[in-house]
Amino acid sequence: MSEGPITNALLAELEGLRVLSRKIFRGQMRGERRSRNKGQSVEFVDFRPYLIGDDLRRIDWNLYGRLDRYFIKLFEEEEDMRLYILLDCSASMAYGSPDKFDYARRLAAGLAYIVLSNHETVSVSIFSGAYKMISTPSRGKAKIHPVLRKLNDLKAEGGSQLASACRNFAAQHRKSGLVVVISDFLMGEGVEAIAPLTGLGHQVELVQVLAPEEANPQLTGDLELVDSETGESLEVSMGSAVMKRYHARLAALQAQLAAFARRCGGDFFVAGTAVPLRDFVLGELRRGRLVR
């Protein structure tokens, strides 16, 4: 990764995109998206009768001159969409050709760049054995450089504590936004691990990053498989029956992840590292309407 987590050429292709949200989030700052909440902003939408305590500056005096009654101008409030990225940095991500972790952090960098280039807010957190926020909520295109540097310095190591990470994330990010979890999700915790992300109004998007060797293993004979995170080993005889069970369990996991994402207003994507990152973003994420 001598060029950093993502090349300048790919950043240039991402320049005109924006991350889409299906939900309406109320932001602290005025951004470029329209909210259904009515407050003070720049776009007039309606009037209502004046009530005691209303801001006198919002009275429409022209309307008062015609009707001899006080009316308050209502405006459509603009909002700042927040993108939260939760990136798996556990040892199992350092696997495959192309490398899963390299792919995952480049995807995180690309999404962060899209949001920051649209003057919206992004925060990046990581997890393996522990949870850590490596980028507090930041806004503005210039903030991409420290985000890229921090992503470039990361290493995939340690065990995966997704449930603990989601609990910590939920405790620290009370303001609703669009949450993108990037992981292989190949862990013993199950889909219940991401349950803490529900209930806070977040839209949750799940991206499962898989190496070709995981999506379609080409293993035969008697083997000793070693867990890269726990060091535990398992002797197996790789035959058609074992492979059939493997694919069935992977399909079941993906169905559960997809169902969870839908419940949270989002979607589930499989990012095979054999597919160039550019094609995944401009293809799968566009078709899934996460970006446009």
Protein backbone atom coordinates (compact mmCIF):
# COMPACT_ATOMS: atom_id res chain seq x y z
CA MET A 1 0.00 0.00 0.00
CA SER A 2 2.73 2.43 -0.97
CA GLU A 3 0.12 4.75 -2.47
CA GLY A 4 -1.94 4.81 0.72
CA PRO A 5 -5.26 3.08 1.30
CA ILE A 6 -6.70 4.27 -2.01
CA THR A 7 -5.25 5.65 -5.23
CA ASN A 8 -5.74 9.19 -6.46
CA ALA A 9 -7.18 7.79 -9.69
CA LEU A 10 -9.97 6.03 -7.82
CA LEU A 11 -10.62 9.08 -5.65
CA ALA A 12 -11.11 11.10 -8.82
CA GLU A 13 -13.75 8.61 -10.03
CA LEU A 14 -15.56 8.82 -6.69
CA GLU A 15 -15.58 12.63 -6.73
CA GLY A 16 -19.03 13.05 -8.23
CA LEU A 17 -20.79 10.40 -6.14
CA ARG A 18 -22.73 10.77 -2.93
CA VAL A 19 -23.86 8.34 -0.26
CA LEU A 20 -27.64 7.91 -0.15
CA SER A 21 -29.77 7.45 2.94
CA ARG A 22 -33.25 5.98 2.97
CA LYS A 23 -33.99 7.37 6.41
CA ILE A 24 -34.29 11.02 7.42
CA PHE A 25 -31.71 12.01 10.02
CA ARG A 26 -31.80 15.20 12.00
CA GLY A 27 -28.37 16.84 11.97
CA GLN A 28 -26.69 19.49 14.04
CA MET A 29 -25.35 21.40 11.07
CA ARG A 30 -26.97 22.62 7.88
CA GLY A 31 -25.99 20.44 4.97
CA GLU A 32 -27.19 19.85 1.46
CA ARG A 33 -30.00 17.38 2.19
CA ARG A 34 -33.62 18.27 2.90
CA SER A 35 -35.26 17.14 6.10
CA ARG A 36 -38.93 16.72 6.92
CA ASN A 37 -38.35 18.64 10.13
CA LYS A 38 -39.43 22.27 9.98
CA GLY A 39 -37.20 24.91 11.46
CA GLN A 40 -35.14 27.92 10.49
CA SER A 41 -33.31 27.58 7.19
CA VAL A 42 -33.27 29.03 3.70
CA GLU A 43 -36.20 27.41 1.88
CA PHE A 44 -39.75 28.61 2.61
CA VAL A 45 -42.46 25.94 2.71
CA ASP A 46 -45.57 27.29 4.50
CA PHE A 47 -47.21 29.68 7.00
CA ARG A 48 -48.93 29.11 10.32
CA PRO A 49 -50.72 31.49 12.71
CA TYR A 50 -48.55 33.31 15.21
CA LEU A 51 -48.45 31.88 18.75
CA ILE A 52 -47.26 33.66 21.87
CA GLY A 53 -43.56 33.02 22.28
CA ASP A 54 -42.77 32.70 18.57
CA ASP A 55 -39.76 34.54 17.19
CA LEU A 56 -41.05 37.94 16.01
CA ARG A 57 -38.41 37.98 13.27
CA ARG A 58 -40.29 35.18 11.52
CA ILE A 59 -43.56 37.13 11.20
CA ASP A 60 -44.53 37.82 7.58
CA TRP A 61 -45.32 41.54 7.68
CA ASN A 62 -46.51 41.65 4.07
CA LEU A 63 -49.15 39.05 4.90
CA TYR A 64 -50.08 41.01 8.04
CA GLY A 65 -50.60 44.11 5.88
CA ARG A 66 -53.06 42.25 3.67
CA LEU A 67 -54.92 40.16 6.26
CA ASP A 68 -54.37 42.12 9.47
CA ARG A 69 -53.32 38.89 11.15
CA TYR A 70 -49.94 37.57 12.25
CA PHE A 71 -48.47 34.55 10.47
CA ILE A 72 -45.12 32.83 11.03
CA LYS A 73 -43.00 31.71 8.09
CA LEU A 74 -42.10 28.03 8.13
CA PHE A 75 -38.94 26.79 6.45
CA GLU A 76 -37.63 23.39 5.50
CA GLU A 77 -34.70 22.54 7.69
CA GLU A 78 -31.58 21.25 6.03
CA GLU A 79 -29.65 18.46 7.64
CA ASP A 80 -26.17 17.05 7.84
CA MET A 81 -26.03 13.32 7.16
CA ARG A 82 -23.62 11.42 9.38
CA LEU A 83 -21.84 8.35 8.03
CA TYR A 84 -20.43 6.00 10.65
CA ILE A 85 -17.95 3.37 9.42
CA LEU A 86 -17.22 0.35 11.62
CA LEU A 87 -14.24 -1.59 10.23
CA ASP A 88 -13.18 -5.11 11.22
CA CYS A 89 -9.42 -5.22 11.95
CA SER A 90 -9.26 -8.74 13.36
CA ALA A 91 -6.67 -11.27 12.22
CA SER A 92 -9.13 -13.18 10.03
CA MET A 93 -9.27 -10.15 7.72
CA ALA A 94 -5.56 -10.59 6.84
CA TYR A 95 -6.32 -13.44 4.47
CA GLY A 96 -6.73 -14.20 0.83
CA SER A 97 -5.45 -13.01 -2.47
CA PRO A 98 -6.30 -10.15 -2.94
CA ASP A 99 -5.97 -9.39 0.76
CA LYS A 100 -9.34 -8.87 2.49
CA PHE A 101 -8.16 -6.24 4.93
CA ASP A 102 -6.53 -4.13 2.25
CA TYR A 103 -9.78 -4.26 0.28
CA ALA A 104 -11.89 -3.45 3.36
CA ARG A 105 -9.91 -0.39 4.40
CA ARG A 106 -9.79 0.93 0.84
CA LEU A 107 -13.57 0.63 0.74
CA ALA A 108 -13.76 2.53 4.05
CA ALA A 109 -11.48 5.20 2.60
CA GLY A 110 -13.60 5.51 -0.54
CA LEU A 111 -16.87 5.91 1.36
CA ALA A 112 -15.30 8.45 3.71
CA TYR A 113 -14.02 10.43 0.74
CA ILE A 114 -17.43 10.50 -0.95
CA VAL A 115 -19.09 11.85 2.20
CA LEU A 116 -16.40 14.41 3.01
CA SER A 117 -16.27 15.68 -0.57
CA ASN A 118 -20.00 16.46 -0.23
CA HIS A 119 -19.33 18.48 2.94
CA GLU A 120 -21.04 15.94 5.14
CA THR A 121 -19.86 14.19 8.31
CA VAL A 122 -17.99 10.90 8.71
CA SER A 123 -16.62 8.99 11.67
CA VAL A 124 -14.45 5.86 11.45
CA SER A 125 -14.20 3.22 14.18
CA ILE A 126 -12.35 -0.09 14.21
CA PHE A 127 -12.63 -3.30 16.17
CA SER A 128 -10.71 -6.49 16.78
CA GLY A 129 -10.10 -7.48 20.39
CA ALA A 130 -11.09 -3.94 21.38
CA TYR A 131 -13.14 -1.08 19.96
CA LYS A 132 -11.52 2.23 19.02
CA MET A 133 -12.71 5.37 17.25
CA ILE A 134 -9.84 6.43 14.98
CA SER A 135 -11.64 9.42 13.49
CA THR A 136 -14.12 11.50 15.45
CA PRO A 137 -17.03 12.97 13.47
CA SER A 138 -15.39 15.22 10.88
CA ARG A 139 -16.73 17.39 8.11
CA GLY A 140 -15.10 18.87 5.00
CA LYS A 141 -12.98 17.55 2.16
CA ALA A 142 -9.68 18.52 3.81
CA LYS A 143 -10.35 16.01 6.62
CA ILE A 144 -9.83 13.06 4.26
CA HIS A 145 -6.03 13.21 4.62
CA PRO A 146 -5.85 12.29 8.33
CA VAL A 147 -8.50 9.61 7.75
CA LEU A 148 -6.43 8.08 4.94
CA ARG A 149 -3.25 8.16 7.04
CA LYS A 150 -4.92 6.41 9.95
CA LEU A 151 -6.43 3.74 7.70
CA ASN A 152 -3.04 3.21 6.07
CA ASP A 153 -1.38 2.59 9.46
CA LEU A 154 -3.83 -0.11 10.53
CA LYS A 155 -2.95 -3.78 10.85
CA ALA A 156 -5.29 -6.74 10.98
CA GLU A 157 -4.54 -8.61 14.17
CA GLY A 158 -6.15 -10.08 17.26
CA GLY A 159 -9.51 -11.67 17.85
CA SER A 160 -12.88 -10.37 16.80
CA GLN A 161 -15.18 -8.85 19.43
CA LEU A 162 -18.01 -7.56 17.22
CA ALA A 163 -20.70 -7.65 19.91
CA SER A 164 -18.59 -5.63 22.32
CA ALA A 165 -17.69 -3.19 19.53
CA CYS A 166 -21.34 -2.65 18.62
CA ARG A 167 -22.23 -2.00 22.27
CA ASN A 168 -19.42 0.55 22.58
CA PHE A 169 -20.37 2.13 19.27
CA ALA A 170 -24.03 2.44 20.29
CA ALA A 171 -23.04 4.06 23.58
CA GLN A 172 -20.81 6.65 21.88
CA HIS A 173 -22.98 7.51 18.86
CA ARG A 174 -26.40 8.47 20.10
CA LYS A 175 -27.23 10.66 17.10
CA SER A 176 -28.74 8.58 14.33
CA GLY A 177 -26.98 8.21 11.03
CA LEU A 178 -26.00 5.75 8.35
CA VAL A 179 -23.81 2.96 9.77
CA VAL A 180 -21.68 0.85 7.41
CA VAL A 181 -20.16 -2.26 9.02
CA ILE A 182 -17.33 -3.74 6.94
CA SER A 183 -16.31 -7.24 8.04
CA ASP A 184 -16.07 -10.84 6.91
CA PHE A 185 -18.61 -11.69 9.65
CA LEU A 186 -16.94 -15.12 9.91
CA MET A 187 -17.07 -15.30 13.68
CA GLY A 188 -18.77 -17.39 16.30
CA GLU A 189 -20.86 -14.55 17.73
CA GLY A 190 -23.55 -14.73 15.07
CA VAL A 191 -25.86 -12.01 13.82
CA GLU A 192 -26.91 -11.25 17.40
CA ALA A 193 -23.56 -9.46 17.77
CA ILE A 194 -24.80 -6.50 15.73
CA ALA A 195 -28.13 -6.23 17.59
CA PRO A 196 -26.92 -3.20 19.65
CA LEU A 197 -27.06 -1.13 16.45
CA THR A 198 -30.86 -1.31 16.43
CA GLY A 199 -33.10 1.00 18.38
CA LEU A 200 -31.15 4.23 17.85
CA GLY A 201 -32.67 5.12 14.49
CA HIS A 202 -29.57 4.19 12.52
CA GLN A 203 -29.77 2.93 8.96
CA VAL A 204 -27.43 -0.08 8.94
CA GLU A 205 -25.59 -1.27 5.84
CA LEU A 206 -23.58 -4.50 6.10
CA VAL A 207 -20.70 -5.28 3.75
CA GLN A 208 -19.24 -8.78 3.93
CA VAL A 209 -15.72 -8.91 2.49
CA LEU A 210 -14.74 -12.39 1.29
CA ALA A 211 -11.66 -13.73 -0.44
CA PRO A 212 -12.18 -16.10 -3.38
CA GLU A 213 -10.79 -18.89 -1.19
CA GLU A 214 -13.67 -18.33 1.24
CA ALA A 215 -16.48 -17.79 -1.23
CA ASN A 216 -15.56 -20.97 -3.09
CA PRO A 217 -12.87 -23.02 -1.28
CA GLN A 218 -10.78 -25.33 -3.42
CA LEU A 219 -9.73 -27.75 -0.69
CA THR A 220 -9.47 -31.51 -0.93
CA GLY A 221 -8.14 -34.37 1.16
CA ASP A 222 -7.29 -34.62 4.85
CA LEU A 223 -6.37 -31.22 6.27
CA GLU A 224 -5.65 -29.46 9.54
CA LEU A 225 -7.37 -26.08 9.60
CA VAL A 226 -6.03 -23.47 12.05
CA ASP A 227 -8.14 -20.54 13.29
CA SER A 228 -6.11 -17.38 12.59
CA GLU A 229 -7.57 -15.61 15.65
CA THR A 230 -7.70 -18.28 18.35
CA GLY A 231 -4.97 -20.66 17.12
CA GLU A 232 -7.34 -23.61 17.55
CA SER A 233 -6.95 -26.39 15.01
CA LEU A 234 -9.40 -28.81 13.49
CA GLU A 235 -8.68 -31.90 11.43
CA VAL A 236 -11.13 -32.36 8.57
CA SER A 237 -11.50 -34.55 5.55
CA MET A 238 -12.55 -32.26 2.74
CA GLY A 239 -15.08 -34.04 0.58
CA SER A 240 -18.22 -33.04 -1.28
CA ALA A 241 -20.43 -33.47 1.80
CA VAL A 242 -18.26 -31.14 3.90
CA MET A 243 -18.17 -28.54 1.12
CA LYS A 244 -21.93 -28.74 0.76
CA ARG A 245 -22.39 -28.04 4.48
CA TYR A 246 -19.92 -25.15 4.28
CA HIS A 247 -21.81 -23.46 1.44
CA ALA A 248 -25.13 -24.05 3.20
CA ARG A 249 -23.88 -22.42 6.42
CA LEU A 250 -22.39 -19.48 4.51
CA ALA A 251 -25.66 -18.96 2.62
CA ALA A 252 -27.62 -19.11 5.90
CA LEU A 253 -25.32 -16.51 7.49
CA GLN A 254 -25.71 -14.20 4.51
CA ALA A 255 -29.50 -14.55 4.62
CA GLN A 256 -29.48 -13.60 8.32
CA LEU A 257 -27.24 -10.59 7.66
CA ALA A 258 -29.49 -9.45 4.82
CA ALA A 259 -32.60 -9.77 6.98
CA PHE A 260 -30.97 -7.77 9.79
CA ALA A 261 -29.92 -4.97 7.42
CA ARG A 262 -33.43 -4.75 5.99
CA ARG A 263 -34.91 -4.43 9.49
CA CYS A 264 -32.59 -1.46 10.02
CA GLY A 265 -33.59 0.20 6.77
CA GLY A 266 -30.41 -0.80 4.96
CA ASP A 267 -29.02 -3.50 2.72
CA PHE A 268 -26.47 -6.31 2.69
CA PHE A 269 -23.62 -6.52 0.18
CA VAL A 270 -21.04 -9.21 -0.54
CA ALA A 271 -17.72 -7.74 -1.63
CA GLY A 272 -15.60 -10.42 -3.24
CA THR A 273 -12.00 -9.25 -3.32
CA ALA A 274 -11.59 -10.65 -6.83
CA VAL A 275 -13.87 -7.82 -8.00
CA PRO A 276 -11.93 -4.53 -8.33
CA LEU A 277 -12.97 -2.01 -5.70
CA ARG A 278 -13.96 0.49 -8.39
CA ASP A 279 -16.36 -2.03 -9.94
CA PHE A 280 -17.85 -2.89 -6.55
CA VAL A 281 -18.55 0.75 -5.64
CA LEU A 282 -19.76 1.85 -9.06
CA GLY A 283 -21.60 -1.43 -9.65
CA GLU A 284 -22.97 -3.18 -6.56
CA LEU A 285 -23.27 -0.15 -4.30
CA ARG A 286 -24.93 1.84 -7.07
CA ARG A 287 -27.39 -0.94 -7.84
CA GLY A 288 -28.14 -1.21 -4.14
CA ARG A 289 -28.63 2.56 -4.01
CA LEU A 290 -26.06 3.12 -1.30
CA VAL A 291 -24.27 5.52 -3.65
CA ARG A 292 -25.29 7.32 -6.81
